[in-house]
């Protein structure tokens, strides 16, 4: 999807974008607030303007992907079967115009053309135990961190929320950076250390097979630390250097690959420490942000009417628009899941009106079930009698509205990037209010990694050198 680049905006333009976003989100709040499983119980279709209903009713999934989400299939020509109301066209245009662009400046990932499971840009030892999505992420973010480290003269990288250490291993053993990895889960740290040793052995064997390609200089494995990083308190361990340095002291670069919820906020808070000179953070799981505390962070956004983003909106911002558009284009039977779950909600409310939106553990192979079979299994999972008498005619009528359910969900998904944009814009403004320099870049292919925007911050302006961060590593 097209969008706006944060790099091309002045401070005043970023502030105005925040104003525009809060106004638009307030206008379409009923769509964003809605739970798709309440499509029938709350008559969500009836909440849409009549002209919207007329335009969207009867559109099949591929048409929704093409006409509403603006993501046509390869070689497809966009054709509307009727004239859409200006208000619906305005929604579509606004959603595209105000969201940060998620299209990176490199070709969508040519590294998987030869083999969809193995990145051609990583050597075999670094691909082992790493899924294709993660291969793409650690390579792209690792190379950006290496460039940022060189530009800012960093002495050490701190990988926060490092998990099994895939990014840390690539940065240290692949790119030669000094890396400290901080992770709160002891089991993940122990596995990371085992994988470190396995990779070192693999690299040593590779050197023996290819002695002409000897690694320059000693290899340093990541230094792993088991520590939870609190969002509201400074972590001294995070700021400690790994080795004794001259009087100039440590110069730290903080990074986090999909730092979950408040962990991404913790990175921003630590950036104000004098030891830290650079930041490269990719956030995710916005619904886990503390409220208040995790958003808003900037004084500007906090002062705007309608800036509030409750859980439902933040959860919606984590959906993968590109992935869903692909599902729409394929028009697979899996799309009926939302319709089935919404029909189940009507039966649950009829049996126990006080039981609203209960969690239903995954029912396997939904697309192979009749709607009444799904409802019976769902009733059992929420503790109700699966043999309750069912109104089959009503269930069939709900099933007949499957495309309407998909259309409403697509509307909400069209708006979701605006919520993510406001959250990330708030972080940019928060850093700029403190006198720091901050930019936002699409770093991953959105088809592989939906949360693909990296927040890059420095204490001193990089000027034209910043453009180096946007280029692919040769």
Protein backbone atom coordinates (compact mmCIF):
# COMPACT_ATOMS: atom_id res chain seq x y z
CA UNK A 1 0.00 0.00 0.00
CA UNK A 2 1.18 3.56 -0.58
CA UNK A 3 1.57 5.84 2.38
CA UNK A 4 3.56 8.67 3.90
CA UNK A 5 7.27 8.46 4.69
CA UNK A 6 8.25 9.70 8.15
CA UNK A 7 11.62 10.78 6.74
CA UNK A 8 10.05 13.36 4.47
CA UNK A 9 8.20 15.13 7.30
CA UNK A 10 9.34 18.09 9.38
CA UNK A 11 8.53 18.25 13.08
CA UNK A 12 5.50 20.45 12.41
CA UNK A 13 4.28 18.09 9.70
CA UNK A 14 4.60 15.16 12.08
CA UNK A 15 2.55 17.03 14.65
CA UNK A 16 -0.11 17.78 12.05
CA UNK A 17 -0.16 14.14 11.02
CA UNK A 18 -0.90 13.21 14.63
CA UNK A 19 -3.78 15.68 14.66
CA UNK A 20 -5.18 14.23 11.44
CA UNK A 21 -4.84 10.66 12.69
CA UNK A 22 -6.71 11.30 15.94
CA UNK A 23 -9.53 12.99 14.02
CA UNK A 24 -9.85 10.16 11.49
CA UNK A 25 -9.71 7.44 14.13
CA UNK A 26 -12.40 9.21 16.14
CA UNK A 27 -14.63 9.45 13.05
CA UNK A 28 -14.41 5.74 12.28
CA UNK A 29 -14.22 4.58 15.89
CA UNK A 30 -17.37 2.39 15.72
CA UNK A 31 -15.72 0.21 13.06
CA UNK A 32 -12.47 -0.06 15.02
CA UNK A 33 -14.24 -0.74 18.32
CA UNK A 34 -16.35 -3.57 16.90
CA UNK A 35 -15.60 -7.22 17.59
CA UNK A 36 -16.18 -9.28 14.46
CA UNK A 37 -17.57 -12.16 16.53
CA UNK A 38 -20.46 -9.82 17.42
CA UNK A 39 -21.35 -9.30 13.76
CA UNK A 40 -24.80 -10.83 14.21
CA UNK A 41 -25.48 -10.14 17.89
CA UNK A 42 -24.75 -6.41 17.45
CA UNK A 43 -25.93 -6.12 13.82
CA UNK A 44 -22.58 -4.68 12.70
CA UNK A 45 -23.65 -4.64 9.07
CA UNK A 46 -26.55 -2.40 10.00
CA UNK A 47 -24.18 0.14 11.57
CA UNK A 48 -22.68 0.92 8.15
CA UNK A 49 -24.24 3.65 5.98
CA UNK A 50 -26.76 2.27 3.52
CA UNK A 51 -24.69 3.41 0.55
CA UNK A 52 -21.68 1.48 1.89
CA UNK A 53 -23.79 -1.61 2.32
CA UNK A 54 -24.97 -1.34 -1.27
CA UNK A 55 -21.41 -0.94 -2.59
CA UNK A 56 -19.89 -3.76 -0.55
CA UNK A 57 -22.74 -6.26 -0.51
CA UNK A 58 -22.10 -9.14 -2.83
CA UNK A 59 -18.40 -8.46 -3.36
CA UNK A 60 -16.41 -11.68 -3.23
CA UNK A 61 -13.09 -11.87 -1.35
CA UNK A 62 -10.81 -11.17 -4.35
CA UNK A 63 -12.91 -8.12 -5.20
CA UNK A 64 -12.57 -6.87 -1.61
CA UNK A 65 -8.79 -7.26 -1.81
CA UNK A 66 -8.66 -5.36 -5.08
CA UNK A 67 -11.31 -2.67 -4.65
CA UNK A 68 -11.38 -2.01 -0.89
CA UNK A 69 -7.87 -2.84 0.28
CA UNK A 70 -6.26 -1.65 -2.93
CA UNK A 71 -4.20 -4.82 -3.33
CA UNK A 72 -5.02 -6.37 -6.70
CA UNK A 73 -3.61 -9.68 -7.81
CA UNK A 74 -0.66 -9.74 -10.18
CA UNK A 75 -1.68 -8.29 -13.53
CA UNK A 76 -5.23 -7.61 -12.35
CA UNK A 77 -7.07 -4.52 -13.56
CA UNK A 78 -9.21 -2.79 -10.92
CA UNK A 79 -12.82 -2.62 -12.05
CA UNK A 80 -15.73 -1.40 -9.94
CA UNK A 81 -19.13 -2.93 -10.65
CA UNK A 82 -20.87 0.23 -9.45
CA UNK A 83 -20.13 3.83 -8.47
CA UNK A 84 -19.00 3.88 -4.86
CA UNK A 85 -20.19 6.62 -2.48
CA UNK A 86 -17.69 9.41 -1.98
CA UNK A 87 -17.64 8.78 1.78
CA UNK A 88 -16.39 5.20 1.26
CA UNK A 89 -13.82 6.32 -1.33
CA UNK A 90 -12.69 9.00 1.13
CA UNK A 91 -12.17 6.37 3.83
CA UNK A 92 -10.09 4.26 1.46
CA UNK A 93 -7.98 7.21 0.29
CA UNK A 94 -7.48 8.56 3.81
CA UNK A 95 -6.40 5.18 5.16
CA UNK A 96 -3.75 4.97 2.45
CA UNK A 97 -2.61 8.59 2.67
CA UNK A 98 -2.13 8.89 6.45
CA UNK A 99 -0.45 5.57 7.24
CA UNK A 100 3.32 5.27 7.29
CA UNK A 101 4.46 3.46 4.17
CA UNK A 102 5.41 -0.15 4.78
CA UNK A 103 7.08 -0.60 1.40
CA UNK A 104 10.85 -0.96 1.85
CA UNK A 105 13.36 0.49 -0.57
CA UNK A 106 14.55 -2.92 -1.76
CA UNK A 107 13.01 -5.50 -4.05
CA UNK A 108 10.66 -7.87 -2.22
CA UNK A 109 12.80 -10.55 -1.01
CA UNK A 110 14.81 -11.91 -3.89
CA UNK A 111 16.80 -13.87 -1.30
CA UNK A 112 14.13 -16.62 -1.37
CA UNK A 113 13.74 -17.02 -5.13
CA UNK A 114 15.95 -20.11 -5.33
CA UNK A 115 14.68 -21.77 -2.17
CA UNK A 116 11.64 -20.48 -0.18
CA UNK A 117 13.12 -21.89 3.05
CA UNK A 118 16.69 -20.61 2.76
CA UNK A 119 17.88 -17.05 2.37
CA UNK A 120 20.55 -16.81 -0.29
CA UNK A 121 21.95 -13.83 1.64
CA UNK A 122 22.88 -15.92 4.71
CA UNK A 123 25.43 -18.73 4.82
CA UNK A 124 24.21 -22.17 5.85
CA UNK A 125 25.44 -22.03 9.49
CA UNK A 126 23.40 -18.89 10.16
CA UNK A 127 20.27 -20.38 8.59
CA UNK A 128 20.23 -23.50 10.77
CA UNK A 129 17.35 -23.58 13.29
CA UNK A 130 16.04 -20.29 11.86
CA UNK A 131 12.78 -20.01 9.95
CA UNK A 132 12.67 -18.04 6.68
CA UNK A 133 10.84 -15.08 8.24
CA UNK A 134 13.45 -14.82 10.98
CA UNK A 135 16.31 -15.27 8.49
CA UNK A 136 15.05 -12.23 6.61
CA UNK A 137 14.59 -10.22 9.82
CA UNK A 138 17.95 -10.91 11.45
CA UNK A 139 19.82 -10.22 8.22
CA UNK A 140 18.05 -6.94 7.51
CA UNK A 141 18.10 -5.60 11.08
CA UNK A 142 21.61 -6.92 11.76
CA UNK A 143 23.03 -5.16 8.71
CA UNK A 144 21.25 -1.92 9.62
CA UNK A 145 22.64 -2.12 13.18
CA UNK A 146 26.14 -2.70 11.80
CA UNK A 147 25.90 0.41 9.60
CA UNK A 148 24.41 2.46 12.45
CA UNK A 149 27.17 1.26 14.78
CA UNK A 150 29.85 2.33 12.31
CA UNK A 151 28.20 5.73 11.78
CA UNK A 152 27.89 6.48 15.51
CA UNK A 153 31.12 4.90 16.76
CA UNK A 154 29.42 2.40 19.05
CA UNK A 155 31.55 0.06 21.14
CA UNK A 156 28.80 -2.40 22.05
CA UNK A 157 25.35 -3.49 20.91
CA UNK A 158 22.71 -4.47 23.47
CA UNK A 159 20.02 -6.81 22.12
CA UNK A 160 17.03 -6.52 24.46
CA UNK A 161 14.49 -9.34 24.54
CA UNK A 162 16.93 -11.50 22.58
CA UNK A 163 15.01 -14.78 22.90
CA UNK A 164 17.00 -17.67 21.42
CA UNK A 165 19.69 -15.23 20.29
CA UNK A 166 19.37 -15.52 16.50
CA UNK A 167 19.88 -11.78 15.93
CA UNK A 168 22.67 -11.56 18.51
CA UNK A 169 24.55 -14.49 16.93
CA UNK A 170 24.35 -12.95 13.47
CA UNK A 171 25.52 -9.54 14.73
CA UNK A 172 28.42 -10.96 16.77
CA UNK A 173 29.62 -14.02 14.86
CA UNK A 174 28.50 -12.85 11.42
CA UNK A 175 29.12 -9.11 11.49
CA UNK A 176 31.86 -8.85 14.13
CA UNK A 177 29.99 -6.67 16.62
CA UNK A 178 30.42 -6.84 20.38
CA UNK A 179 26.98 -7.91 21.60
CA UNK A 180 25.30 -8.25 24.98
CA UNK A 181 22.01 -10.18 24.87
CA UNK A 182 19.42 -9.58 27.57
CA UNK A 183 16.52 -12.01 27.96
CA UNK A 184 14.24 -12.66 30.94
CA UNK A 185 13.51 -16.33 30.23
CA UNK A 186 16.24 -18.61 31.61
CA UNK A 187 15.25 -21.48 29.27
CA UNK A 188 15.62 -19.31 26.19
CA UNK A 189 19.03 -18.09 27.35
CA UNK A 190 20.24 -21.66 27.91
CA UNK A 191 19.09 -22.64 24.42
CA UNK A 192 20.76 -19.52 22.98
CA UNK A 193 24.06 -20.53 24.59
CA UNK A 194 23.80 -24.06 23.14
CA UNK A 195 23.11 -22.62 19.69
CA UNK A 196 26.11 -20.28 20.10
CA UNK A 197 28.40 -23.27 20.62
CA UNK A 198 26.84 -25.17 17.75
CA UNK A 199 27.35 -22.22 15.41
CA UNK A 200 30.97 -21.75 16.50
CA UNK A 201 31.69 -25.40 15.75
CA UNK A 202 30.00 -25.10 12.34
CA UNK A 203 32.02 -21.98 11.49
CA UNK A 204 35.27 -23.71 12.53
CA UNK A 205 34.49 -26.68 10.27
CA UNK A 206 33.70 -24.31 7.41
CA UNK A 207 37.04 -22.56 7.86
CA UNK A 208 38.87 -25.89 7.71
CA UNK A 209 37.09 -26.77 4.47
CA UNK A 210 37.77 -23.32 3.00
CA UNK A 211 41.04 -22.08 4.56
CA UNK A 212 41.37 -19.36 1.92
CA UNK A 213 38.32 -17.61 3.44
CA UNK A 214 39.76 -17.22 6.94
CA UNK A 215 37.74 -15.01 9.27
CA UNK A 216 39.56 -11.78 10.07
CA UNK A 217 40.19 -11.37 13.79
CA UNK A 218 38.87 -13.27 16.81
CA UNK A 219 35.23 -14.30 17.05
CA UNK A 220 33.18 -13.11 20.02
CA UNK A 221 30.03 -14.98 20.97
CA UNK A 222 27.19 -12.89 22.40
CA UNK A 223 27.35 -12.33 26.15
CA UNK A 224 24.02 -13.57 27.51
CA UNK A 225 22.36 -12.12 30.60
CA UNK A 226 19.18 -13.38 32.24
CA UNK A 227 17.33 -10.24 33.28
CA UNK A 228 13.83 -8.81 32.97
CA UNK A 229 13.88 -5.21 31.77
CA UNK A 230 11.16 -3.16 33.43
CA UNK A 231 9.53 -0.40 31.36
CA UNK A 232 9.50 2.13 34.21
CA UNK A 233 12.92 1.56 35.81
CA UNK A 234 16.45 1.72 34.43
CA UNK A 235 18.30 -1.59 34.16
CA UNK A 236 21.90 -1.03 35.22
CA UNK A 237 23.01 -4.38 33.77
CA UNK A 238 21.90 -3.15 30.37
CA UNK A 239 24.25 -0.16 30.62
CA UNK A 240 27.38 -2.01 31.80
CA UNK A 241 30.18 -2.44 29.22
CA UNK A 242 31.50 -5.93 28.46
CA UNK A 243 35.13 -4.84 28.64
CA UNK A 244 37.24 -2.12 30.20
CA UNK A 245 37.29 0.89 27.95
CA UNK A 246 39.34 4.12 27.79
CA UNK A 247 38.20 7.21 29.64
CA UNK A 248 35.79 8.02 26.83
CA UNK A 249 33.68 5.12 28.13
CA UNK A 250 31.13 2.85 26.51
CA UNK A 251 29.05 3.94 23.55
CA UNK A 252 26.02 1.67 23.44
CA UNK A 253 23.57 0.90 20.66
CA UNK A 254 20.27 -0.56 21.82
CA UNK A 255 18.27 -2.83 19.57
CA UNK A 256 15.23 -5.07 19.84
CA UNK A 257 13.68 -7.27 17.17
CA UNK A 258 9.91 -7.19 17.77
CA UNK A 259 10.35 -6.07 21.36
CA UNK A 260 6.96 -6.97 22.77
CA UNK A 261 4.62 -4.39 24.30
CA UNK A 262 6.30 -2.36 27.03
CA UNK A 263 9.75 -3.73 26.17
CA UNK A 264 9.91 -1.39 23.18
CA UNK A 265 8.99 1.48 25.54
CA UNK A 266 11.83 0.42 27.86
CA UNK A 267 14.29 0.83 25.00
CA UNK A 268 13.11 4.41 24.50
CA UNK A 269 13.47 5.21 28.20
CA UNK A 270 17.03 3.84 28.30
CA UNK A 271 17.96 5.84 25.22
CA UNK A 272 18.11 8.98 27.37
CA UNK A 273 21.05 7.52 29.34
CA UNK A 274 24.40 9.16 28.46
CA UNK A 275 26.03 5.81 27.64
CA UNK A 276 23.54 5.16 24.84
CA UNK A 277 24.22 6.87 21.51
CA UNK A 278 21.95 5.01 19.09
CA UNK A 279 18.76 2.96 18.92
CA UNK A 280 17.21 0.59 16.35
CA UNK A 281 13.93 -0.82 17.61
CA UNK A 282 11.17 -2.83 15.91
CA UNK A 283 8.10 -3.02 18.14
CA UNK A 284 5.13 -5.37 18.18
CA UNK A 285 2.21 -6.55 20.35
CA UNK A 286 0.82 -3.06 20.87
CA UNK A 287 -2.13 -4.48 22.82
CA UNK A 288 0.32 -5.37 25.61
CA UNK A 289 1.32 -1.74 26.18
CA UNK A 290 0.57 -0.50 29.69
CA UNK A 291 -2.34 1.90 29.89
CA UNK A 292 -1.27 4.45 31.00
CA UNK A 293 2.51 4.31 30.65
CA UNK A 294 3.10 2.70 27.28
CA UNK A 295 1.09 5.18 25.20
CA UNK A 296 0.99 8.11 24.73
CA UNK A 297 4.60 8.99 25.45
CA UNK A 298 4.84 12.40 23.80
CA UNK A 299 3.39 15.56 25.30
CA UNK A 300 2.00 16.52 21.90
CA UNK A 301 -0.08 13.40 21.33
CA UNK A 302 -1.16 13.27 24.97
CA UNK A 303 -2.66 16.74 24.55
CA UNK A 304 -4.75 15.87 21.50
CA UNK A 305 -8.49 15.22 21.87
CA UNK A 306 -9.31 11.63 21.01
CA UNK A 307 -5.76 10.35 21.34
CA UNK A 308 -6.86 7.38 23.44
CA UNK A 309 -6.22 3.95 21.96
CA UNK A 310 -7.95 1.28 24.05
CA UNK A 311 -7.01 -2.40 23.91
CA UNK A 312 -9.32 -3.26 21.01
CA UNK A 313 -7.73 -0.69 18.70
CA UNK A 314 -4.18 -1.63 19.68
CA UNK A 315 -4.93 -5.31 19.16
CA UNK A 316 -6.33 -4.58 15.70
CA UNK A 317 -3.14 -2.74 14.78
CA UNK A 318 -1.22 -6.01 15.06
CA UNK A 319 -3.07 -7.72 12.22
CA UNK A 320 -1.26 -8.42 8.95
CA UNK A 321 -2.98 -6.48 6.18
CA UNK A 322 -0.84 -7.87 3.34
CA UNK A 323 -1.29 -11.45 4.51
CA UNK A 324 -5.06 -11.04 4.76
CA UNK A 325 -5.20 -9.52 1.28
CA UNK A 326 -3.44 -12.62 -0.03
CA UNK A 327 -6.03 -14.80 1.70
CA UNK A 328 -8.78 -12.76 0.09
CA UNK A 329 -7.22 -13.18 -3.34
CA UNK A 330 -7.10 -16.95 -2.88
CA UNK A 331 -10.71 -16.96 -1.56
CA UNK A 332 -10.01 -20.08 0.49
CA UNK A 333 -12.60 -21.70 2.76
CA UNK A 334 -10.61 -20.60 5.82
CA UNK A 335 -12.18 -17.14 5.45
CA UNK A 336 -15.44 -18.49 6.85
CA UNK A 337 -13.99 -18.82 10.37
CA UNK A 338 -15.12 -15.33 11.45
CA UNK A 339 -18.65 -15.99 10.17
CA UNK A 340 -18.86 -19.32 12.00
CA UNK A 341 -17.55 -17.77 15.23
CA UNK A 342 -20.05 -14.90 14.96
CA UNK A 343 -22.87 -17.41 14.48
CA UNK A 344 -21.64 -19.34 17.53
CA UNK A 345 -21.82 -16.12 19.57
CA UNK A 346 -25.55 -15.85 18.85
CA UNK A 347 -26.11 -19.36 20.22
CA UNK A 348 -23.98 -18.68 23.31
CA UNK A 349 -25.90 -15.46 24.07
CA UNK A 350 -29.19 -17.32 23.64
CA UNK A 351 -28.15 -19.94 26.18
CA UNK A 352 -26.29 -17.65 28.62
CA UNK A 353 -26.84 -13.94 27.91
CA UNK A 354 -24.21 -12.90 30.46
CA UNK A 355 -21.49 -14.90 28.68
CA UNK A 356 -20.00 -12.46 26.18
CA UNK A 357 -17.12 -13.15 23.78
CA UNK A 358 -15.72 -16.22 25.59
CA UNK A 359 -12.45 -17.57 24.33
CA UNK A 360 -12.91 -20.56 22.06
CA UNK A 361 -9.83 -22.74 21.76
CA UNK A 362 -8.86 -23.43 18.19
CA UNK A 363 -11.23 -25.80 16.45
CA UNK A 364 -9.23 -27.74 13.86
CA UNK A 365 -10.17 -27.85 10.16
CA UNK A 366 -13.03 -25.39 10.46
CA UNK A 367 -13.38 -25.17 6.70
CA UNK A 368 -14.35 -28.86 6.55
CA UNK A 369 -17.15 -28.54 9.11
CA UNK A 370 -20.79 -27.76 8.62
CA UNK A 371 -21.78 -24.68 10.58
CA UNK A 372 -23.85 -26.70 13.07
CA UNK A 373 -20.88 -29.01 13.69
CA UNK A 374 -18.68 -26.01 14.42
CA UNK A 375 -21.27 -24.56 16.80
CA UNK A 376 -21.58 -27.85 18.70
CA UNK A 377 -17.81 -28.09 19.16
CA UNK A 378 -17.66 -24.43 20.16
CA UNK A 379 -20.38 -24.86 22.77
CA UNK A 380 -18.43 -27.70 24.33
CA UNK A 381 -15.27 -25.60 24.48
CA UNK A 382 -17.00 -22.82 26.43
CA UNK A 383 -18.58 -25.24 28.90
CA UNK A 384 -22.09 -25.37 27.43
CA UNK A 385 -24.12 -28.39 26.38
CA UNK A 386 -23.14 -29.28 22.79
CA UNK A 387 -26.54 -30.92 22.35
CA UNK A 388 -28.48 -27.69 22.81
CA UNK A 389 -31.28 -27.48 20.23
CA UNK A 390 -30.11 -25.38 17.29
CA UNK A 391 -32.09 -23.22 14.92
CA UNK A 392 -30.61 -24.57 11.70
CA UNK A 393 -32.50 -22.08 9.53
CA UNK A 394 -30.99 -19.18 11.49
CA UNK A 395 -27.51 -20.69 11.24
CA UNK A 396 -27.88 -21.13 7.49
CA UNK A 397 -29.02 -17.52 7.19
CA UNK A 398 -25.90 -16.41 9.08
CA UNK A 399 -23.70 -18.56 6.85
CA UNK A 400 -25.22 -16.92 3.78
CA UNK A 401 -23.79 -13.59 5.01
CA UNK A 402 -20.20 -14.83 5.04
CA UNK A 403 -19.07 -12.24 2.48
CA UNK A 404 -20.61 -9.44 4.55
CA UNK A 405 -18.62 -10.60 7.57
CA UNK A 406 -15.45 -10.63 5.48
CA UNK A 407 -16.26 -7.17 4.11
CA UNK A 408 -16.74 -5.65 7.57
CA UNK A 409 -13.52 -7.22 8.84
CA UNK A 410 -11.71 -5.86 5.77
CA UNK A 411 -12.97 -2.36 6.59
CA UNK A 412 -11.52 -2.60 10.10
CA UNK A 413 -8.26 -3.98 8.74
CA UNK A 414 -8.02 -1.09 6.28
CA UNK A 415 -8.00 1.32 9.24
CA UNK A 416 -5.63 -0.71 11.44
CA UNK A 417 -2.37 0.74 9.98
CA UNK A 418 -3.53 4.20 11.10
CA UNK A 419 -3.48 3.01 14.71
CA UNK A 420 0.04 1.63 14.32
CA UNK A 421 1.11 4.86 12.64
CA UNK A 422 -0.16 6.94 15.57
CA UNK A 423 1.64 4.73 18.11
CA UNK A 424 4.94 4.96 16.24
CA UNK A 425 4.51 8.65 15.47
CA UNK A 426 4.00 9.25 19.19
CA UNK A 427 7.37 7.57 19.82
CA UNK A 428 9.08 9.72 17.19
CA UNK A 429 7.65 12.88 18.73
CA UNK A 430 8.59 11.73 22.24
CA UNK A 431 12.24 11.40 21.20
CA UNK A 432 12.21 14.72 19.33
CA UNK A 433 10.73 16.51 22.36
CA UNK A 434 13.89 15.46 24.23
CA UNK A 435 16.13 16.90 21.53
CA UNK A 436 17.02 13.58 19.89
CA UNK A 437 16.98 12.71 16.20
CA UNK A 438 14.54 9.97 15.20
CA UNK A 439 13.37 8.41 11.94
CA UNK A 440 11.21 5.47 10.93
CA UNK A 441 12.08 3.08 8.12
CA UNK A 442 10.33 0.09 6.54
CA UNK A 443 13.04 -2.52 6.90
CA UNK A 444 11.40 -5.89 6.23
CA UNK A 445 9.24 -7.18 3.44
CA UNK A 446 5.69 -6.70 4.82
CA UNK A 447 4.61 -9.98 3.20
CA UNK A 448 7.14 -11.81 5.38
CA UNK A 449 7.10 -9.62 8.48
CA UNK A 450 4.03 -7.37 9.00
CA UNK A 451 5.57 -5.34 11.83
CA UNK A 452 8.30 -4.05 9.56
CA UNK A 453 8.98 -0.47 10.69
CA UNK A 454 12.23 0.18 12.56
CA UNK A 455 12.61 3.24 14.78
CA UNK A 456 16.13 4.61 14.44
CA UNK A 457 17.32 7.26 16.89
CA UNK A 458 20.64 9.02 17.47
CA UNK A 459 21.91 11.73 19.79
CA UNK A 460 23.54 13.61 16.91
CA UNK A 461 22.16 14.11 13.40
CA UNK A 462 23.48 11.72 10.76
CA UNK A 463 22.66 14.02 7.87
CA UNK A 464 23.05 12.51 4.43
CA UNK A 465 24.74 9.45 5.94
CA UNK A 466 21.32 8.31 7.15
CA UNK A 467 20.46 7.22 3.60
CA UNK A 468 23.06 4.44 3.97
CA UNK A 469 20.73 2.72 6.42
CA UNK A 470 18.03 2.38 3.77
CA UNK A 471 20.14 0.53 1.21
CA UNK A 472 20.57 -3.22 0.87
CA UNK A 473 23.88 -4.67 1.97
CA UNK A 474 25.93 -5.57 -1.10
